[in-house]
Amino acid sequence: MKFDTIKKLKLLEFRRIDWDLVGQLGQVERLQELLGPKFRMALDCDAPQYYELTMEFHFTFYYRHPGGFDELDVVSFVLGKRIFNMSLPQFAEATGFYTVQEVESEEFRGFAEAGREGGA
């Protein structure tokens, strides 16, 4: 199985931010500001099942581009052996990177539409 072969590769080992090194470089505040609290939370995960879930997600993730922004199958992936199909706003909210209010804003819609058309 392709997944088992790739899973053994050292290229895809889980890596975390070395905050000690970032501190030695005097860039902790700058990096924290750049990442924001949501991305920091995701990057600091060290649960044992993180690796398997990440591999499963990345190997099955599909973004139908171009697709309708609100169509329920624009984004699809498998996670925890369950198949998920979502619109782009649903995916953005489900990841926790955006709130309901943020995905309903004109700014989000404009940014997502521009990205879909090759802009932004």
N, C-alpha and C. Protein backbone atom coordinates (compact mmCIF):
# COMPACT_ATOMS: atom_id res chain seq x y z
N MET A 1 0.85 -1.18 0.00
CA MET A 1 0.00 0.00 0.00
C MET A 1 0.90 1.24 0.00
N LYS A 2 0.52 2.21 -0.82
CA LYS A 2 1.32 3.43 -0.98
C LYS A 2 1.52 4.16 0.34
N PHE A 3 0.46 4.25 1.16
CA PHE A 3 0.55 4.96 2.44
C PHE A 3 1.62 4.35 3.33
N ASP A 4 1.67 3.01 3.44
CA ASP A 4 2.66 2.35 4.29
C ASP A 4 4.08 2.63 3.82
N THR A 5 4.29 2.67 2.51
CA THR A 5 5.61 2.96 1.96
C THR A 5 6.04 4.38 2.30
N ILE A 6 5.15 5.33 2.05
CA ILE A 6 5.48 6.74 2.29
C ILE A 6 5.59 7.03 3.79
N LYS A 7 4.79 6.36 4.59
CA LYS A 7 4.82 6.56 6.03
C LYS A 7 6.21 6.29 6.62
N LYS A 8 6.94 5.38 6.01
CA LYS A 8 8.27 5.01 6.50
C LYS A 8 9.35 6.01 6.12
N LEU A 9 9.06 6.90 5.18
CA LEU A 9 10.06 7.88 4.75
C LEU A 9 10.35 8.88 5.86
N LYS A 10 11.59 9.19 6.05
CA LYS A 10 12.00 10.15 7.07
C LYS A 10 11.72 11.59 6.64
N LEU A 11 11.40 11.80 5.36
CA LEU A 11 11.12 13.15 4.86
C LEU A 11 9.90 13.76 5.51
N LEU A 12 8.98 12.93 5.96
CA LEU A 12 7.71 13.42 6.47
C LEU A 12 7.60 13.34 7.98
N GLU A 13 8.72 13.29 8.68
CA GLU A 13 8.67 13.24 10.13
C GLU A 13 8.04 14.51 10.67
N PHE A 14 7.30 14.35 11.75
CA PHE A 14 6.64 15.48 12.39
C PHE A 14 7.70 16.39 12.99
N ARG A 15 7.58 17.64 12.70
CA ARG A 15 8.50 18.64 13.25
C ARG A 15 7.71 19.73 13.93
N ARG A 16 8.27 20.24 15.01
CA ARG A 16 7.64 21.33 15.73
C ARG A 16 8.59 22.52 15.71
N ILE A 17 8.07 23.67 16.07
CA ILE A 17 8.90 24.87 16.14
C ILE A 17 9.83 24.74 17.34
N ASP A 18 11.09 24.99 17.12
CA ASP A 18 12.08 24.97 18.20
C ASP A 18 12.07 26.35 18.86
N TRP A 19 11.20 26.51 19.86
CA TRP A 19 11.03 27.80 20.51
C TRP A 19 12.30 28.25 21.23
N ASP A 20 13.14 27.31 21.69
CA ASP A 20 14.41 27.68 22.32
C ASP A 20 15.31 28.39 21.31
N LEU A 21 15.38 27.82 20.11
CA LEU A 21 16.19 28.43 19.05
C LEU A 21 15.62 29.79 18.65
N VAL A 22 14.31 29.85 18.50
CA VAL A 22 13.67 31.12 18.14
C VAL A 22 13.97 32.17 19.21
N GLY A 23 13.97 31.74 20.48
CA GLY A 23 14.29 32.64 21.59
C GLY A 23 15.73 33.13 21.52
N GLN A 24 16.65 32.22 21.19
CA GLN A 24 18.05 32.60 21.07
C GLN A 24 18.25 33.62 19.95
N LEU A 25 17.41 33.54 18.94
CA LEU A 25 17.48 34.49 17.83
C LEU A 25 16.74 35.79 18.14
N GLY A 26 16.05 35.81 19.28
CA GLY A 26 15.31 37.00 19.68
C GLY A 26 14.08 37.28 18.83
N GLN A 27 13.46 36.21 18.34
CA GLN A 27 12.34 36.38 17.41
C GLN A 27 11.03 35.75 17.89
N VAL A 28 10.91 35.45 19.19
CA VAL A 28 9.71 34.79 19.69
C VAL A 28 8.47 35.63 19.44
N GLU A 29 8.50 36.88 19.86
CA GLU A 29 7.32 37.74 19.68
C GLU A 29 6.95 37.90 18.21
N ARG A 30 7.95 38.08 17.39
CA ARG A 30 7.70 38.27 15.95
C ARG A 30 7.04 37.03 15.34
N LEU A 31 7.56 35.84 15.67
CA LEU A 31 7.01 34.61 15.13
C LEU A 31 5.61 34.34 15.68
N GLN A 32 5.40 34.60 16.97
CA GLN A 32 4.08 34.41 17.56
C GLN A 32 3.06 35.33 16.90
N GLU A 33 3.45 36.55 16.63
CA GLU A 33 2.55 37.49 15.97
C GLU A 33 2.26 37.07 14.54
N LEU A 34 3.28 36.59 13.85
CA LEU A 34 3.12 36.14 12.48
C LEU A 34 2.18 34.94 12.39
N LEU A 35 2.34 33.98 13.28
CA LEU A 35 1.52 32.76 13.26
C LEU A 35 0.11 32.98 13.79
N GLY A 36 -0.02 33.80 14.82
CA GLY A 36 -1.32 33.97 15.46
C GLY A 36 -1.63 32.78 16.36
N PRO A 37 -2.57 32.93 17.27
CA PRO A 37 -2.84 31.87 18.26
C PRO A 37 -3.37 30.58 17.66
N LYS A 38 -4.14 30.64 16.58
CA LYS A 38 -4.72 29.43 16.01
C LYS A 38 -3.66 28.55 15.35
N PHE A 39 -2.76 29.15 14.59
CA PHE A 39 -1.70 28.37 13.96
C PHE A 39 -0.70 27.86 15.00
N ARG A 40 -0.42 28.66 16.02
CA ARG A 40 0.50 28.20 17.08
C ARG A 40 -0.07 26.97 17.76
N MET A 41 -1.37 26.97 18.03
CA MET A 41 -2.00 25.82 18.67
C MET A 41 -1.86 24.57 17.80
N ALA A 42 -2.10 24.71 16.51
CA ALA A 42 -1.98 23.58 15.60
C ALA A 42 -0.54 23.07 15.51
N LEU A 43 0.41 23.99 15.45
CA LEU A 43 1.81 23.60 15.31
C LEU A 43 2.42 23.03 16.59
N ASP A 44 1.83 23.34 17.72
CA ASP A 44 2.37 22.84 18.98
C ASP A 44 1.79 21.49 19.40
N CYS A 45 0.94 20.91 18.59
CA CYS A 45 0.34 19.62 18.91
C CYS A 45 1.41 18.54 18.97
N ASP A 46 1.41 17.75 20.03
CA ASP A 46 2.38 16.66 20.12
C ASP A 46 1.71 15.35 20.54
N ALA A 47 0.42 15.21 20.27
CA ALA A 47 -0.29 13.99 20.58
C ALA A 47 0.25 12.85 19.72
N PRO A 48 0.33 11.63 20.27
CA PRO A 48 0.91 10.50 19.53
C PRO A 48 0.21 10.19 18.20
N GLN A 49 -1.08 10.39 18.14
CA GLN A 49 -1.80 10.07 16.91
C GLN A 49 -1.72 11.18 15.87
N TYR A 50 -1.05 12.27 16.19
CA TYR A 50 -0.94 13.40 15.26
C TYR A 50 -0.36 12.96 13.92
N TYR A 51 0.68 12.16 13.94
CA TYR A 51 1.37 11.75 12.72
C TYR A 51 0.42 10.99 11.79
N GLU A 52 -0.27 9.98 12.32
CA GLU A 52 -1.16 9.18 11.48
C GLU A 52 -2.30 10.02 10.92
N LEU A 53 -2.90 10.86 11.77
CA LEU A 53 -4.00 11.69 11.31
C LEU A 53 -3.54 12.69 10.25
N THR A 54 -2.36 13.25 10.45
CA THR A 54 -1.81 14.19 9.49
C THR A 54 -1.56 13.52 8.15
N MET A 55 -0.96 12.35 8.18
CA MET A 55 -0.70 11.61 6.95
C MET A 55 -2.01 11.28 6.23
N GLU A 56 -2.97 10.78 6.98
CA GLU A 56 -4.25 10.42 6.39
C GLU A 56 -4.90 11.64 5.74
N PHE A 57 -4.90 12.75 6.45
CA PHE A 57 -5.50 13.98 5.92
C PHE A 57 -4.78 14.44 4.65
N HIS A 58 -3.46 14.54 4.70
CA HIS A 58 -2.70 15.05 3.56
C HIS A 58 -2.80 14.15 2.33
N PHE A 59 -2.87 12.85 2.53
CA PHE A 59 -2.95 11.94 1.39
C PHE A 59 -4.33 11.90 0.76
N THR A 60 -5.34 12.33 1.48
CA THR A 60 -6.70 12.26 0.95
C THR A 60 -7.31 13.62 0.65
N PHE A 61 -6.64 14.69 1.05
CA PHE A 61 -7.20 16.04 0.86
C PHE A 61 -7.33 16.35 -0.62
N TYR A 62 -8.49 16.88 -0.98
CA TYR A 62 -8.73 17.28 -2.36
C TYR A 62 -9.50 18.59 -2.36
N TYR A 63 -8.98 19.56 -3.09
CA TYR A 63 -9.65 20.85 -3.28
C TYR A 63 -10.04 20.95 -4.74
N ARG A 64 -11.33 20.92 -5.01
CA ARG A 64 -11.83 20.98 -6.38
C ARG A 64 -11.76 22.41 -6.87
N HIS A 65 -10.75 22.66 -7.69
CA HIS A 65 -10.46 24.02 -8.13
C HIS A 65 -10.51 24.06 -9.65
N PRO A 66 -11.29 24.83 -10.32
CA PRO A 66 -12.25 25.73 -9.72
C PRO A 66 -13.53 24.98 -9.35
N GLY A 67 -14.11 25.40 -8.30
CA GLY A 67 -15.37 24.82 -7.83
C GLY A 67 -16.21 25.93 -7.26
N GLY A 68 -17.44 25.65 -7.03
CA GLY A 68 -18.30 26.65 -6.45
C GLY A 68 -17.95 26.87 -4.99
N PHE A 69 -17.79 28.09 -4.61
CA PHE A 69 -17.39 28.49 -3.26
C PHE A 69 -18.24 27.81 -2.19
N ASP A 70 -19.56 27.75 -2.42
CA ASP A 70 -20.47 27.21 -1.43
C ASP A 70 -20.92 25.78 -1.71
N GLU A 71 -20.37 25.15 -2.74
CA GLU A 71 -20.76 23.77 -3.03
C GLU A 71 -20.21 22.86 -1.94
N LEU A 72 -21.00 21.86 -1.58
CA LEU A 72 -20.67 21.01 -0.42
C LEU A 72 -19.57 19.99 -0.67
N ASP A 73 -19.00 19.97 -1.85
CA ASP A 73 -17.91 19.02 -2.11
C ASP A 73 -16.67 19.69 -2.70
N VAL A 74 -16.52 20.98 -2.45
CA VAL A 74 -15.33 21.69 -2.94
C VAL A 74 -14.08 21.17 -2.23
N VAL A 75 -14.22 20.86 -0.96
CA VAL A 75 -13.12 20.32 -0.16
C VAL A 75 -13.54 18.93 0.31
N SER A 76 -12.66 17.95 0.14
CA SER A 76 -12.95 16.62 0.66
C SER A 76 -11.66 16.02 1.21
N PHE A 77 -11.83 15.17 2.22
CA PHE A 77 -10.68 14.52 2.85
C PHE A 77 -11.19 13.40 3.75
N VAL A 78 -10.26 12.55 4.18
CA VAL A 78 -10.56 11.49 5.13
C VAL A 78 -9.81 11.81 6.41
N LEU A 79 -10.48 11.66 7.52
CA LEU A 79 -9.85 11.89 8.82
C LEU A 79 -10.48 10.93 9.83
N GLY A 80 -9.64 10.14 10.47
CA GLY A 80 -10.16 9.14 11.40
C GLY A 80 -11.02 8.11 10.69
N LYS A 81 -10.65 7.79 9.46
CA LYS A 81 -11.34 6.82 8.61
C LYS A 81 -12.76 7.23 8.25
N ARG A 82 -13.06 8.54 8.40
CA ARG A 82 -14.35 9.09 7.99
C ARG A 82 -14.14 10.02 6.81
N ILE A 83 -15.04 9.98 5.85
CA ILE A 83 -14.96 10.84 4.68
C ILE A 83 -15.72 12.13 4.96
N PHE A 84 -15.09 13.27 4.66
CA PHE A 84 -15.70 14.57 4.85
C PHE A 84 -15.76 15.30 3.52
N ASN A 85 -16.89 15.93 3.24
CA ASN A 85 -17.08 16.80 2.08
C ASN A 85 -17.64 18.11 2.62
N MET A 86 -17.03 19.22 2.21
CA MET A 86 -17.42 20.52 2.75
C MET A 86 -17.30 21.61 1.71
N SER A 87 -18.02 22.69 1.97
CA SER A 87 -17.82 23.91 1.20
C SER A 87 -16.56 24.58 1.75
N LEU A 88 -16.05 25.55 1.04
CA LEU A 88 -14.86 26.26 1.52
C LEU A 88 -15.12 26.97 2.85
N PRO A 89 -16.26 27.67 3.02
CA PRO A 89 -16.52 28.28 4.32
C PRO A 89 -16.65 27.26 5.46
N GLN A 90 -17.28 26.12 5.18
CA GLN A 90 -17.41 25.08 6.21
C GLN A 90 -16.03 24.56 6.62
N PHE A 91 -15.16 24.35 5.65
CA PHE A 91 -13.82 23.86 5.95
C PHE A 91 -13.04 24.88 6.77
N ALA A 92 -13.13 26.15 6.39
CA ALA A 92 -12.42 27.21 7.11
C ALA A 92 -12.88 27.28 8.56
N GLU A 93 -14.17 27.11 8.77
CA GLU A 93 -14.70 27.13 10.14
C GLU A 93 -14.34 25.86 10.90
N ALA A 94 -14.44 24.70 10.24
CA ALA A 94 -14.16 23.42 10.90
C ALA A 94 -12.71 23.33 11.38
N THR A 95 -11.78 23.93 10.66
CA THR A 95 -10.38 23.90 11.08
C THR A 95 -10.14 24.78 12.30
N GLY A 96 -11.07 25.70 12.56
CA GLY A 96 -10.91 26.61 13.69
C GLY A 96 -10.08 27.84 13.35
N PHE A 97 -9.68 27.96 12.09
CA PHE A 97 -8.89 29.11 11.69
C PHE A 97 -9.76 30.33 11.43
N TYR A 98 -11.04 30.12 11.22
CA TYR A 98 -11.99 31.21 11.01
C TYR A 98 -13.26 30.94 11.81
N THR A 99 -13.92 31.99 12.23
CA THR A 99 -15.19 31.87 12.95
C THR A 99 -16.34 31.96 11.94
N VAL A 100 -17.55 31.67 12.40
CA VAL A 100 -18.72 31.79 11.55
C VAL A 100 -18.83 33.22 11.02
N GLN A 101 -18.63 34.19 11.90
CA GLN A 101 -18.72 35.59 11.48
C GLN A 101 -17.67 35.92 10.43
N GLU A 102 -16.46 35.37 10.58
CA GLU A 102 -15.40 35.66 9.62
C GLU A 102 -15.70 35.06 8.25
N VAL A 103 -16.20 33.82 8.20
CA VAL A 103 -16.47 33.21 6.89
C VAL A 103 -17.69 33.82 6.22
N GLU A 104 -18.55 34.47 6.99
CA GLU A 104 -19.72 35.13 6.40
C GLU A 104 -19.40 36.56 5.93
N SER A 105 -18.22 37.04 6.24
CA SER A 105 -17.87 38.42 5.88
C SER A 105 -17.55 38.53 4.40
N GLU A 106 -17.77 39.72 3.87
CA GLU A 106 -17.43 40.00 2.47
C GLU A 106 -15.93 39.89 2.24
N GLU A 107 -15.14 40.24 3.25
CA GLU A 107 -13.69 40.17 3.14
C GLU A 107 -13.23 38.73 2.90
N PHE A 108 -13.78 37.78 3.66
CA PHE A 108 -13.41 36.37 3.48
C PHE A 108 -13.83 35.89 2.11
N ARG A 109 -15.06 36.19 1.74
CA ARG A 109 -15.57 35.75 0.44
C ARG A 109 -14.72 36.34 -0.69
N GLY A 110 -14.37 37.61 -0.58
CA GLY A 110 -13.54 38.24 -1.60
C GLY A 110 -12.16 37.63 -1.68
N PHE A 111 -11.57 37.35 -0.52
CA PHE A 111 -10.24 36.74 -0.48
C PHE A 111 -10.27 35.34 -1.08
N ALA A 112 -11.27 34.56 -0.70
CA ALA A 112 -11.38 33.20 -1.21
C ALA A 112 -11.66 33.18 -2.71
N GLU A 113 -12.53 34.06 -3.17
CA GLU A 113 -12.83 34.15 -4.60
C GLU A 113 -11.60 34.59 -5.39
N ALA A 114 -10.85 35.55 -4.87
CA ALA A 114 -9.64 36.01 -5.55
C ALA A 114 -8.62 34.89 -5.64
N GLY A 115 -8.48 34.10 -4.56
CA GLY A 115 -7.55 32.98 -4.57
C GLY A 115 -7.97 31.92 -5.59
N ARG A 116 -9.26 31.73 -5.71
CA ARG A 116 -9.77 30.75 -6.66
C ARG A 116 -9.51 31.19 -8.09
N GLU A 117 -9.52 32.48 -8.32
CA GLU A 117 -9.32 33.01 -9.67
C GLU A 117 -7.84 33.25 -9.99
N GLY A 118 -6.97 32.95 -9.03
CA GLY A 118 -5.54 33.11 -9.27
C GLY A 118 -4.99 34.44 -8.79
N GLY A 119 -5.79 35.22 -8.10
CA GLY A 119 -5.33 36.51 -7.55
C GLY A 119 -4.81 36.32 -6.16
N ALA A 120 -4.84 37.37 -5.35
CA ALA A 120 -4.44 37.41 -3.94
C ALA A 120 -3.38 36.47 -3.56
